PDB file of N, CA and C in Angstrom:
ATOM      1  N   UNK A   1      83.490 101.975  88.137  1.00  0.00           N
ATOM      2  CA  UNK A   1      83.928 102.102  89.567  1.00  0.00           C
ATOM      3  C   UNK A   1      85.126 101.708  90.003  1.00  0.00           C
ATOM      4  N   UNK A   2      85.537 102.226  91.177  1.00  0.00           N
ATOM      5  CA  UNK A   2      86.998 102.319  91.308  1.00  0.00           C
ATOM      6  C   UNK A   2      87.258 100.968  92.129  1.00  0.00           C
ATOM      7  N   UNK A   3      88.609 100.466  92.090  1.00  0.00           N
ATOM      8  CA  UNK A   3      88.945  99.344  92.910  1.00  0.00           C
ATOM      9  C   UNK A   3      89.263  99.707  94.231  1.00  0.00           C
ATOM     10  N   UNK A   4      89.859  98.830  95.028  1.00  0.00           N
ATOM     11  CA  UNK A   4      90.128  98.984  96.264  1.00  0.00           C
ATOM     12  C   UNK A   4      91.316  99.696  96.642  1.00  0.00           C
ATOM     13  N   UNK A   5      92.376  99.683  95.579  1.00  0.00           N
ATOM     14  CA  UNK A   5      93.565 100.380  95.715  1.00  0.00           C
ATOM     15  C   UNK A   5      93.393 101.747  95.338  1.00  0.00           C
ATOM     16  N   UNK A   6      93.198 102.618  96.257  1.00  0.00           N
ATOM     17  CA  UNK A   6      93.319 104.342  95.939  1.00  0.00           C
ATOM     18  C   UNK A   6      94.516 104.801  96.569  1.00  0.00           C
ATOM     19  N   UNK A   7      94.794 106.014  96.073  1.00  0.00           N
ATOM     20  CA  UNK A   7      96.014 106.769  96.476  1.00  0.00           C
ATOM     21  C   UNK A   7      95.705 107.526  97.539  1.00  0.00           C
ATOM     22  N   UNK A   8      94.345 107.844  97.960  1.00  0.00           N
ATOM     23  CA  UNK A   8      94.164 108.275  99.149  1.00  0.00           C
ATOM     24  C   UNK A   8      93.192 107.595 100.324  1.00  0.00           C
ATOM     25  N   UNK A   9      93.086 107.857 101.466  1.00  0.00           N
ATOM     26  CA  UNK A   9      92.360 107.264 102.410  1.00  0.00           C
ATOM     27  C   UNK A   9      91.620 108.290 103.498  1.00  0.00           C
ATOM     28  N   UNK A  10      90.559 107.621 103.918  1.00  0.00           N
ATOM     29  CA  UNK A  10      89.829 108.679 104.911  1.00  0.00           C
ATOM     30  C   UNK A  10      90.727 109.179 106.018  1.00  0.00           C
ATOM     31  N   UNK A  11      90.619 110.552 106.320  1.00  0.00           N
ATOM     32  CA  UNK A  11      91.577 111.150 107.201  1.00  0.00           C
ATOM     33  C   UNK A  11      92.760 111.719 106.550  1.00  0.00           C
ATOM     34  N   UNK A  12      93.170 111.415 105.408  1.00  0.00           N
ATOM     35  CA  UNK A  12      94.370 112.058 104.746  1.00  0.00           C
ATOM     36  C   UNK A  12      93.843 113.473 104.463  1.00  0.00           C
ATOM     37  N   UNK A  13      95.237 114.205 104.629  1.00  0.00           N
ATOM     38  CA  UNK A  13      95.241 115.614 104.255  1.00  0.00           C
ATOM     39  C   UNK A  13      95.527 115.762 102.704  1.00  0.00           C
ATOM     40  N   UNK A  14      94.668 116.393 101.855  1.00  0.00           N
ATOM     41  CA  UNK A  14      94.816 116.357 100.434  1.00  0.00           C
ATOM     42  C   UNK A  14      94.706 117.774  99.820  1.00  0.00           C
ATOM     43  N   UNK A  15      95.148 117.978  98.703  1.00  0.00           N
ATOM     44  CA  UNK A  15      95.257 119.434  97.939  1.00  0.00           C
ATOM     45  C   UNK A  15      94.387 119.245  96.737  1.00  0.00           C
ATOM     46  N   UNK A  16      93.589 119.916  96.448  1.00  0.00           N
ATOM     47  CA  UNK A  16      92.739 120.018  95.225  1.00  0.00           C
ATOM     48  C   UNK A  16      93.623 120.588  94.190  1.00  0.00           C
ATOM     49  N   UNK A  17      93.919 119.830  93.040  1.00  0.00           N
ATOM     50  CA  UNK A  17      94.627 120.283  91.757  1.00  0.00           C
ATOM     51  C   UNK A  17      94.031 120.881  90.625  1.00  0.00           C
ATOM     52  N   UNK A  18      92.634 120.821  90.780  1.00  0.00           N
ATOM     53  CA  UNK A  18      91.800 121.289  89.586  1.00  0.00           C
ATOM     54  C   UNK A  18      90.657 121.831  90.172  1.00  0.00           C
ATOM     55  N   UNK A  19      89.844 122.912  89.436  1.00  0.00           N
ATOM     56  CA  UNK A  19      88.542 123.249  89.852  1.00  0.00           C
ATOM     57  C   UNK A  19      88.570 124.410  90.724  1.00  0.00           C
ATOM     58  N   UNK A  20      87.435 124.910  91.149  1.00  0.00           N
ATOM     59  CA  UNK A  20      87.224 126.233  91.717  1.00  0.00           C
ATOM     60  C   UNK A  20      88.030 126.242  93.118  1.00  0.00           C
ATOM     61  N   UNK A  21      88.191 125.094  93.823  1.00  0.00           N
ATOM     62  CA  UNK A  21      88.884 124.866  94.951  1.00  0.00           C
ATOM     63  C   UNK A  21      90.553 124.777  94.863  1.00  0.00           C
ATOM     64  N   UNK A  22      91.085 125.024  93.609  1.00  0.00           N
ATOM     65  CA  UNK A  22      92.555 124.709  93.218  1.00  0.00           C
ATOM     66  C   UNK A  22      93.221 125.394  94.220  1.00  0.00           C
ATOM     67  N   UNK A  23      94.456 124.390  95.052  1.00  0.00           N
ATOM     68  CA  UNK A  23      95.364 124.716  95.673  1.00  0.00           C
ATOM     69  C   UNK A  23      94.963 124.941  97.057  1.00  0.00           C
ATOM     70  N   UNK A  24      93.715 124.339  97.322  1.00  0.00           N
ATOM     71  CA  UNK A  24      93.327 124.583  98.735  1.00  0.00           C
ATOM     72  C   UNK A  24      93.488 123.205  99.405  1.00  0.00           C
ATOM     73  N   UNK A  25      93.535 122.967 100.734  1.00  0.00           N
ATOM     74  CA  UNK A  25      93.881 121.591 101.556  1.00  0.00           C
ATOM     75  C   UNK A  25      92.771 121.572 102.273  1.00  0.00           C
ATOM     76  N   UNK A  26      92.575 120.365 102.505  1.00  0.00           N
ATOM     77  CA  UNK A  26      91.451 119.746 103.677  1.00  0.00           C
ATOM     78  C   UNK A  26      91.745 118.527 103.863  1.00  0.00           C
ATOM     79  N   UNK A  27      90.785 117.714 104.811  1.00  0.00           N
ATOM     80  CA  UNK A  27      91.111 116.594 105.291  1.00  0.00           C
ATOM     81  C   UNK A  27      89.703 115.723 104.659  1.00  0.00           C
ATOM     82  N   UNK A  28      90.152 114.435 104.387  1.00  0.00           N
ATOM     83  CA  UNK A  28      89.097 113.789 103.496  1.00  0.00           C
ATOM     84  C   UNK A  28      88.044 113.226 104.654  1.00  0.00           C
ATOM     85  N   UNK A  29      86.762 113.524 104.539  1.00  0.00           N
ATOM     86  CA  UNK A  29      85.684 112.924 105.267  1.00  0.00           C
ATOM     87  C   UNK A  29      85.252 111.671 104.923  1.00  0.00           C
ATOM     88  N   UNK A  30      85.106 111.383 103.709  1.00  0.00           N
ATOM     89  CA  UNK A  30      84.503 110.112 103.084  1.00  0.00           C
ATOM     90  C   UNK A  30      84.868 110.058 101.808  1.00  0.00           C
ATOM     91  N   UNK A  31      84.862 108.817 101.369  1.00  0.00           N
ATOM     92  CA  UNK A  31      85.169 108.362  99.908  1.00  0.00           C
ATOM     93  C   UNK A  31      83.937 107.656  99.429  1.00  0.00           C
ATOM     94  N   UNK A  32      83.570 108.042  98.348  1.00  0.00           N
ATOM     95  CA  UNK A  32      82.540 107.506  97.516  1.00  0.00           C
ATOM     96  C   UNK A  32      82.708 106.847  96.154  1.00  0.00           C
ATOM     97  N   UNK A  33      82.912 105.537  96.541  1.00  0.00           N
ATOM     98  CA  UNK A  33      83.364 104.568  95.486  1.00  0.00           C
ATOM     99  C   UNK A  33      82.564 104.524  94.278  1.00  0.00           C
ATOM    100  N   UNK A  34      81.248 104.513  94.437  1.00  0.00           N
ATOM    101  CA  UNK A  34      80.415 104.571  93.090  1.00  0.00           C
ATOM    102  C   UNK A  34      80.229 105.705  92.578  1.00  0.00           C
ATOM    103  N   UNK A  35      80.609 107.133  92.893  1.00  0.00           N
ATOM    104  CA  UNK A  35      80.522 108.309  92.275  1.00  0.00           C
ATOM    105  C   UNK A  35      82.105 108.599  92.118  1.00  0.00           C
ATOM    106  N   UNK A  36      83.020 107.867  92.442  1.00  0.00           N
ATOM    107  CA  UNK A  36      84.373 108.059  92.286  1.00  0.00           C
ATOM    108  C   UNK A  36      84.796 109.427  92.911  1.00  0.00           C
ATOM    109  N   UNK A  37      84.434 109.737  93.893  1.00  0.00           N
ATOM    110  CA  UNK A  37      84.643 110.995  94.501  1.00  0.00           C
ATOM    111  C   UNK A  37      85.111 110.937  95.993  1.00  0.00           C
ATOM    112  N   UNK A  38      85.520 111.960  96.361  1.00  0.00           N
ATOM    113  CA  UNK A  38      85.702 112.340  97.921  1.00  0.00           C
ATOM    114  C   UNK A  38      85.140 113.606  98.438  1.00  0.00           C
ATOM    115  N   UNK A  39      84.806 113.525  99.751  1.00  0.00           N
ATOM    116  CA  UNK A  39      84.347 114.588 100.496  1.00  0.00           C
ATOM    117  C   UNK A  39      85.245 115.230 101.272  1.00  0.00           C
ATOM    118  N   UNK A  40      85.483 116.388 100.970  1.00  0.00           N
ATOM    119  CA  UNK A  40      87.079 117.109 101.630  1.00  0.00           C
ATOM    120  C   UNK A  40      86.256 118.255 102.519  1.00  0.00           C
ATOM    121  N   UNK A  41      86.855 118.100 103.817  1.00  0.00           N
ATOM    122  CA  UNK A  41      86.268 119.107 104.843  1.00  0.00           C
ATOM    123  C   UNK A  41      86.591 120.568 104.610  1.00  0.00           C
ATOM    124  N   UNK A  42      85.352 121.295 104.468  1.00  0.00           N
ATOM    125  CA  UNK A  42      85.686 122.756 104.209  1.00  0.00           C
ATOM    126  C   UNK A  42      85.750 123.103 102.500  1.00  0.00           C
ATOM    127  N   UNK A  43      85.616 122.226 101.581  1.00  0.00           N
ATOM    128  CA  UNK A  43      85.987 122.502 100.272  1.00  0.00           C
ATOM    129  C   UNK A  43      84.568 121.892  99.471  1.00  0.00           C
ATOM    130  N   UNK A  44      84.473 122.747  98.124  1.00  0.00           N
ATOM    131  CA  UNK A  44      83.371 122.374  97.458  1.00  0.00           C
ATOM    132  C   UNK A  44      82.121 122.356  98.184  1.00  0.00           C
ATOM    133  N   UNK A  45      81.899 123.551  99.014  1.00  0.00           N
ATOM    134  CA  UNK A  45      80.485 123.642  99.841  1.00  0.00           C
ATOM    135  C   UNK A  45      79.528 124.004  98.932  1.00  0.00           C
ATOM    136  N   UNK A  46      78.411 123.497  99.050  1.00  0.00           N
ATOM    137  CA  UNK A  46      77.075 123.704  98.304  1.00  0.00           C
ATOM    138  C   UNK A  46      75.974 124.326  99.345  1.00  0.00           C
ATOM    139  N   UNK A  47      75.053 124.976  99.155  1.00  0.00           N
ATOM    140  CA  UNK A  47      74.092 125.220  99.815  1.00  0.00           C
ATOM    141  C   UNK A  47      72.702 124.685  99.431  1.00  0.00           C
ATOM    142  N   UNK A  48      72.207 123.906 100.422  1.00  0.00           N
ATOM    143  CA  UNK A  48      70.819 123.146 100.131  1.00  0.00           C
ATOM    144  C   UNK A  48      69.655 123.715 100.968  1.00  0.00           C
ATOM    145  N   UNK A  49      68.814 124.002 100.125  1.00  0.00           N
ATOM    146  CA  UNK A  49      67.567 124.768 100.439  1.00  0.00           C
ATOM    147  C   UNK A  49      66.601 123.507 101.105  1.00  0.00           C
ATOM    148  N   UNK A  50      66.248 123.533 102.415  1.00  0.00           N
ATOM    149  CA  UNK A  50      65.407 122.407 102.947  1.00  0.00           C
ATOM    150  C   UNK A  50      63.890 122.974 103.491  1.00  0.00           C
ATOM    151  N   UNK A  51      63.073 122.329 103.205  1.00  0.00           N
ATOM    152  CA  UNK A  51      61.662 122.628 103.743  1.00  0.00           C
ATOM    153  C   UNK A  51      61.563 122.165 105.319  1.00  0.00           C
ATOM    154  N   UNK A  52      60.892 122.880 105.929  1.00  0.00           N
ATOM    155  CA  UNK A  52      60.530 122.354 107.450  1.00  0.00           C
ATOM    156  C   UNK A  52      59.643 121.066 107.423  1.00  0.00           C
ATOM    157  N   UNK A  53      60.277 120.083 108.193  1.00  0.00           N
ATOM    158  CA  UNK A  53      59.485 118.664 108.384  1.00  0.00           C
ATOM    159  C   UNK A  53      59.307 118.490 109.814  1.00  0.00           C
ATOM    160  N   UNK A  54      58.015 118.460 110.021  1.00  0.00           N
ATOM    161  CA  UNK A  54      57.593 118.107 111.561  1.00  0.00           C
ATOM    162  C   UNK A  54      58.308 119.185 112.674  1.00  0.00           C
ATOM    163  N   UNK A  55      59.125 118.831 113.398  1.00  0.00           N
ATOM    164  CA  UNK A  55      59.816 119.569 114.607  1.00  0.00           C
ATOM    165  C   UNK A  55      61.219 120.122 114.177  1.00  0.00           C
ATOM    166  N   UNK A  56      61.582 119.573 112.598  1.00  0.00           N
ATOM    167  CA  UNK A  56      62.950 120.147 111.996  1.00  0.00           C
ATOM    168  C   UNK A  56      62.612 121.356 111.466  1.00  0.00           C
ATOM    169  N   UNK A  57      63.384 122.525 111.690  1.00  0.00           N
ATOM    170  CA  UNK A  57      63.264 123.667 111.008  1.00  0.00           C
ATOM    171  C   UNK A  57      63.723 123.702 109.493  1.00  0.00           C
ATOM    172  N   UNK A  58      63.166 124.442 108.738  1.00  0.00           N
ATOM    173  CA  UNK A  58      63.593 124.715 107.221  1.00  0.00           C
ATOM    174  C   UNK A  58      64.769 125.519 107.084  1.00  0.00           C
ATOM    175  N   UNK A  59      65.391 125.838 106.210  1.00  0.00           N
ATOM    176  CA  UNK A  59      66.610 126.836 106.167  1.00  0.00           C
ATOM    177  C   UNK A  59      67.563 126.288 105.127  1.00  0.00           C
ATOM    178  N   UNK A  60      68.505 127.109 104.975  1.00  0.00           N
ATOM    179  CA  UNK A  60      69.586 126.889 104.135  1.00  0.00           C
ATOM    180  C   UNK A  60      70.964 126.192 104.842  1.00  0.00           C
ATOM    181  N   UNK A  61      71.049 124.914 104.299  1.00  0.00           N
ATOM    182  CA  UNK A  61      72.251 123.998 105.043  1.00  0.00           C
ATOM    183  C   UNK A  61      73.420 124.221 104.183  1.00  0.00           C
ATOM    184  N   UNK A  62      74.623 124.373 104.679  1.00  0.00           N
ATOM    185  CA  UNK A  62      75.870 124.162 103.832  1.00  0.00           C
ATOM    186  C   UNK A  62      76.489 122.919 104.087  1.00  0.00           C
ATOM    187  N   UNK A  63      76.826 122.116 102.916  1.00  0.00           N
ATOM    188  CA  UNK A  63      77.505 120.876 103.206  1.00  0.00           C
ATOM    189  C   UNK A  63      78.565 120.642 102.007  1.00  0.00           C
ATOM    190  N   UNK A  64      79.207 119.886 102.149  1.00  0.00           N
ATOM    191  CA  UNK A  64      80.489 119.324 101.280  1.00  0.00           C
ATOM    192  C   UNK A  64      79.581 118.643 100.038  1.00  0.00           C
ATOM    193  N   UNK A  65      80.178 118.896  98.803  1.00  0.00           N
ATOM    194  CA  UNK A  65      79.936 118.135  97.646  1.00  0.00           C
ATOM    195  C   UNK A  65      81.206 117.345  97.224  1.00  0.00           C
ATOM    196  N   UNK A  66      80.816 116.227  96.429  1.00  0.00           N
ATOM    197  CA  UNK A  66      82.087 115.405  96.276  1.00  0.00           C
ATOM    198  C   UNK A  66      82.804 115.906  95.151  1.00  0.00           C
ATOM    199  N   UNK A  67      84.234 115.697  95.208  1.00  0.00           N
ATOM    200  CA  UNK A  67      85.186 116.182  94.309  1.00  0.00           C
ATOM    201  C   UNK A  67      85.617 114.941  93.591  1.00  0.00           C
ATOM    202  N   UNK A  68      85.915 114.849  92.274  1.00  0.00           N
ATOM    203  CA  UNK A  68      86.318 113.740  91.802  1.00  0.00           C
ATOM    204  C   UNK A  68      87.612 113.392  92.264  1.00  0.00           C
ATOM    205  N   UNK A  69      88.050 112.008  92.472  1.00  0.00           N
ATOM    206  CA  UNK A  69      89.268 111.461  93.099  1.00  0.00           C
ATOM    207  C   UNK A  69      90.519 111.699  92.320  1.00  0.00           C
ATOM    208  N   UNK A  70      90.273 112.016  91.035  1.00  0.00           N
ATOM    209  CA  UNK A  70      91.446 112.319  90.171  1.00  0.00           C
ATOM    210  C   UNK A  70      91.866 113.835  90.235  1.00  0.00           C
ATOM    211  N   UNK A  71      90.947 114.519  90.924  1.00  0.00           N
ATOM    212  CA  UNK A  71      91.352 116.053  91.248  1.00  0.00           C
ATOM    213  C   UNK A  71      91.965 116.283  92.446  1.00  0.00           C
ATOM    214  N   UNK A  72      92.243 115.312  93.198  1.00  0.00           N
ATOM    215  CA  UNK A  72      92.940 115.482  94.371  1.00  0.00           C
ATOM    216  C   UNK A  72      94.225 114.807  94.590  1.00  0.00           C
ATOM    217  N   UNK A  73      95.360 115.334  95.168  1.00  0.00           N
ATOM    218  CA  UNK A  73      96.412 114.630  95.354  1.00  0.00           C
ATOM    219  C   UNK A  73      96.756 114.600  97.059  1.00  0.00           C
ATOM    220  N   UNK A  74      97.503 113.881  97.552  1.00  0.00           N
ATOM    221  CA  UNK A  74      98.011 113.667  98.797  1.00  0.00           C
ATOM    222  C   UNK A  74      98.960 114.894  99.040  1.00  0.00           C
ATOM    223  N   UNK A  75      98.811 115.437 100.350  1.00  0.00           N
ATOM    224  CA  UNK A  75      99.518 116.694 100.623  1.00  0.00           C
ATOM    225  C   UNK A  75     100.569 116.321 101.606  1.00  0.00           C
ATOM    226  N   UNK A  76     101.889 116.515 101.140  1.00  0.00           N
ATOM    227  CA  UNK A  76     102.945 116.287 101.918  1.00  0.00           C
ATOM    228  C   UNK A  76     103.417 117.537 102.839  1.00  0.00           C
ATOM    229  N   UNK A  77     103.257 117.410 104.326  1.00  0.00           N
ATOM    230  CA  UNK A  77     103.602 118.433 105.131  1.00  0.00           C
ATOM    231  C   UNK A  77     105.057 118.884 105.140  1.00  0.00           C
ATOM    232  N   UNK A  78     105.925 117.867 104.746  1.00  0.00           N
ATOM    233  CA  UNK A  78     107.340 118.105 104.794  1.00  0.00           C
ATOM    234  C   UNK A  78     107.699 118.927 103.580  1.00  0.00           C
ATOM    235  N   UNK A  79     107.271 118.547 102.288  1.00  0.00           N
ATOM    236  CA  UNK A  79     107.360 119.283 100.999  1.00  0.00           C
ATOM    237  C   UNK A  79     106.646 120.417 100.963  1.00  0.00           C
ATOM    238  N   UNK A  80     105.419 120.431 101.475  1.00  0.00           N
ATOM    239  CA  UNK A  80     104.401 121.801 101.510  1.00  0.00           C
ATOM    240  C   UNK A  80     103.823 121.603 100.211  1.00  0.00           C
ATOM    241  N   UNK A  81     103.563 120.714  99.606  1.00  0.00           N
ATOM    242  CA  UNK A  81     103.046 120.750  98.056  1.00  0.00           C
ATOM    243  C   UNK A  81     102.424 119.235  97.890  1.00  0.00           C
ATOM    244  N   UNK A  82     101.366 119.198  96.940  1.00  0.00           N
ATOM    245  CA  UNK A  82     100.931 117.882  96.673  1.00  0.00           C
ATOM    246  C   UNK A  82     101.932 117.086  96.053  1.00  0.00           C
ATOM    247  N   UNK A  83     102.055 115.780  96.475  1.00  0.00           N
ATOM    248  CA  UNK A  83     102.943 114.910  95.868  1.00  0.00           C
ATOM    249  C   UNK A  83     102.210 113.533  95.342  1.00  0.00           C
ATOM    250  N   UNK A  84     103.063 112.632  94.617  1.00  0.00           N
ATOM    251  CA  UNK A  84     102.751 111.342  94.250  1.00  0.00           C
ATOM    252  C   UNK A  84     103.373 110.508  95.374  1.00  0.00           C
ATOM    253  N   UNK A  85     102.804 109.350  95.345  1.00  0.00           N
ATOM    254  CA  UNK A  85     103.168 108.533  96.552  1.00  0.00           C
ATOM    255  C   UNK A  85     103.828 107.136  95.830  1.00  0.00           C
ATOM    256  N   UNK A  86     104.536 106.235  96.342  1.00  0.00           N
ATOM    257  CA  UNK A  86     104.886 105.028  96.046  1.00  0.00           C
ATOM    258  C   UNK A  86     104.567 103.963  97.263  1.00  0.00           C
ATOM    259  N   UNK A  87     104.424 102.981  97.106  1.00  0.00           N
ATOM    260  CA  UNK A  87     104.375 101.781  98.041  1.00  0.00           C
ATOM    261  C   UNK A  87     105.669 101.147  98.530  1.00  0.00           C
ATOM    262  N   UNK A  88     106.068 101.296  99.853  1.00  0.00           N
ATOM    263  CA  UNK A  88     107.296 100.596 100.130  1.00  0.00           C
ATOM    264  C   UNK A  88     106.861  99.396 101.258  1.00  0.00           C
ATOM    265  N   UNK A  89     107.631  98.350 101.163  1.00  0.00           N
ATOM    266  CA  UNK A  89     107.409  97.330 102.084  1.00  0.00           C
ATOM    267  C   UNK A  89     108.368  97.459 103.293  1.00  0.00           C
ATOM    268  N   UNK A  90     107.740  97.495 104.635  1.00  0.00           N
ATOM    269  CA  UNK A  90     108.733  97.734 105.629  1.00  0.00           C
ATOM    270  C   UNK A  90     109.343  96.379 106.151  1.00  0.00           C
ATOM    271  N   UNK A  91     110.263  96.463 107.178  1.00  0.00           N
ATOM    272  CA  UNK A  91     110.842  95.287 107.759  1.00  0.00           C
ATOM    273  C   UNK A  91     109.836  94.190 108.191  1.00  0.00           C
ATOM    274  N   UNK A  92     108.861  94.676 108.697  1.00  0.00           N
ATOM    275  CA  UNK A  92     107.762  93.807 109.440  1.00  0.00           C
ATOM    276  C   UNK A  92     106.991  93.362 108.292  1.00  0.00           C
ATOM    277  N   UNK A  93     107.060  93.623 107.024  1.00  0.00           N
ATOM    278  CA  UNK A  93     106.163  92.987 106.082  1.00  0.00           C
ATOM    279  C   UNK A  93     104.757  93.847 105.785  1.00  0.00           C
ATOM    280  N   UNK A  94     104.808  94.982 106.459  1.00  0.00           N
ATOM    281  CA  UNK A  94     103.758  96.039 106.149  1.00  0.00           C
ATOM    282  C   UNK A  94     104.036  96.865 105.069  1.00  0.00           C
ATOM    283  N   UNK A  95     102.977  97.423 104.379  1.00  0.00           N
ATOM    284  CA  UNK A  95     103.094  98.295 103.258  1.00  0.00           C
ATOM    285  C   UNK A  95     102.737  99.621 103.798  1.00  0.00           C
ATOM    286  N   UNK A  96     103.389 100.557 103.409  1.00  0.00           N
ATOM    287  CA  UNK A  96     103.369 101.938 103.563  1.00  0.00           C
ATOM    288  C   UNK A  96     103.540 102.843 102.503  1.00  0.00           C
ATOM    289  N   UNK A  97     102.555 103.911 102.291  1.00  0.00           N
ATOM    290  CA  UNK A  97     102.650 105.073 101.355  1.00  0.00           C
ATOM    291  C   UNK A  97     103.567 106.015 101.700  1.00  0.00           C
ATOM    292  N   UNK A  98     104.561 106.236 100.939  1.00  0.00           N
ATOM    293  CA  UNK A  98     105.818 107.059 101.026  1.00  0.00           C
ATOM    294  C   UNK A  98     105.913 108.178  99.845  1.00  0.00           C
ATOM    295  N   UNK A  99     106.128 109.372 100.218  1.00  0.00           N
ATOM    296  CA  UNK A  99     106.402 110.474  99.475  1.00  0.00           C
ATOM    297  C   UNK A  99     107.433 110.246  98.171  1.00  0.00           C
ATOM    298  N   UNK A 100     107.287 110.245  97.132  1.00  0.00           N
ATOM    299  CA  UNK A 100     108.313 110.228  96.067  1.00  0.00           C
ATOM    300  C   UNK A 100     109.614 111.065  96.076  1.00  0.00           C
ATOM    301  N   UNK A 101     109.256 112.469  96.727  1.00  0.00           N
ATOM    302  CA  UNK A 101     110.080 113.509  96.741  1.00  0.00           C
ATOM    303  C   UNK A 101     111.069 113.303  97.839  1.00  0.00           C
ATOM    304  N   UNK A 102     110.448 113.318  99.081  1.00  0.00           N
ATOM    305  CA  UNK A 102     111.242 113.404 100.340  1.00  0.00           C
ATOM    306  C   UNK A 102     111.398 112.035 101.192  1.00  0.00           C
ATOM    307  N   UNK A 103     110.540 111.329 100.806  1.00  0.00           N
ATOM    308  CA  UNK A 103     110.461 109.751 101.380  1.00  0.00           C
ATOM    309  C   UNK A 103     109.567 109.885 102.840  1.00  0.00           C
ATOM    310  N   UNK A 104     108.901 110.917 103.059  1.00  0.00           N
ATOM    311  CA  UNK A 104     108.176 110.911 104.146  1.00  0.00           C
ATOM    312  C   UNK A 104     107.067 109.853 104.217  1.00  0.00           C
ATOM    313  N   UNK A 105     106.740 109.184 105.032  1.00  0.00           N
ATOM    314  CA  UNK A 105     105.764 108.052 105.080  1.00  0.00           C
ATOM    315  C   UNK A 105     104.491 108.773 105.826  1.00  0.00           C
ATOM    316  N   UNK A 106     103.360 108.312 105.002  1.00  0.00           N
ATOM    317  CA  UNK A 106     101.950 108.858 105.297  1.00  0.00           C
ATOM    318  C   UNK A 106     101.067 107.803 106.320  1.00  0.00           C
ATOM    319  N   UNK A 107     101.656 106.390 106.238  1.00  0.00           N
ATOM    320  CA  UNK A 107     101.195 105.575 107.081  1.00  0.00           C
ATOM    321  C   UNK A 107     102.046 105.377 108.212  1.00  0.00           C
ATOM    322  N   UNK A 108     101.257 105.707 109.541  1.00  0.00           N
ATOM    323  CA  UNK A 108     101.902 105.703 110.714  1.00  0.00           C
ATOM    324  C   UNK A 108     101.716 104.292 111.389  1.00  0.00           C
TER     325      UNK A 108
END
């Protein structure tokens, strides 16, 4: 199980670095700590066949499946590629994630 210190957060734009969705970008919808994965909007989409229950119709639903957290990297809009980050302490004492290449801050 993962600790609390992750390189990505909910709402970040990430790029998939391995797998069938390699080099595609999307926004993180949810972080699954127990499965060590993330749900990325529009990526790793699976089809779920459901049976009709009561007044809910059955059919084929498309939803995102988890991608392992090690297979995504934070996407820098300035560099236009996936980047590593480092933590910088600001003047007011707050910590911010910063792009190693260009110095762009991801925490506003």
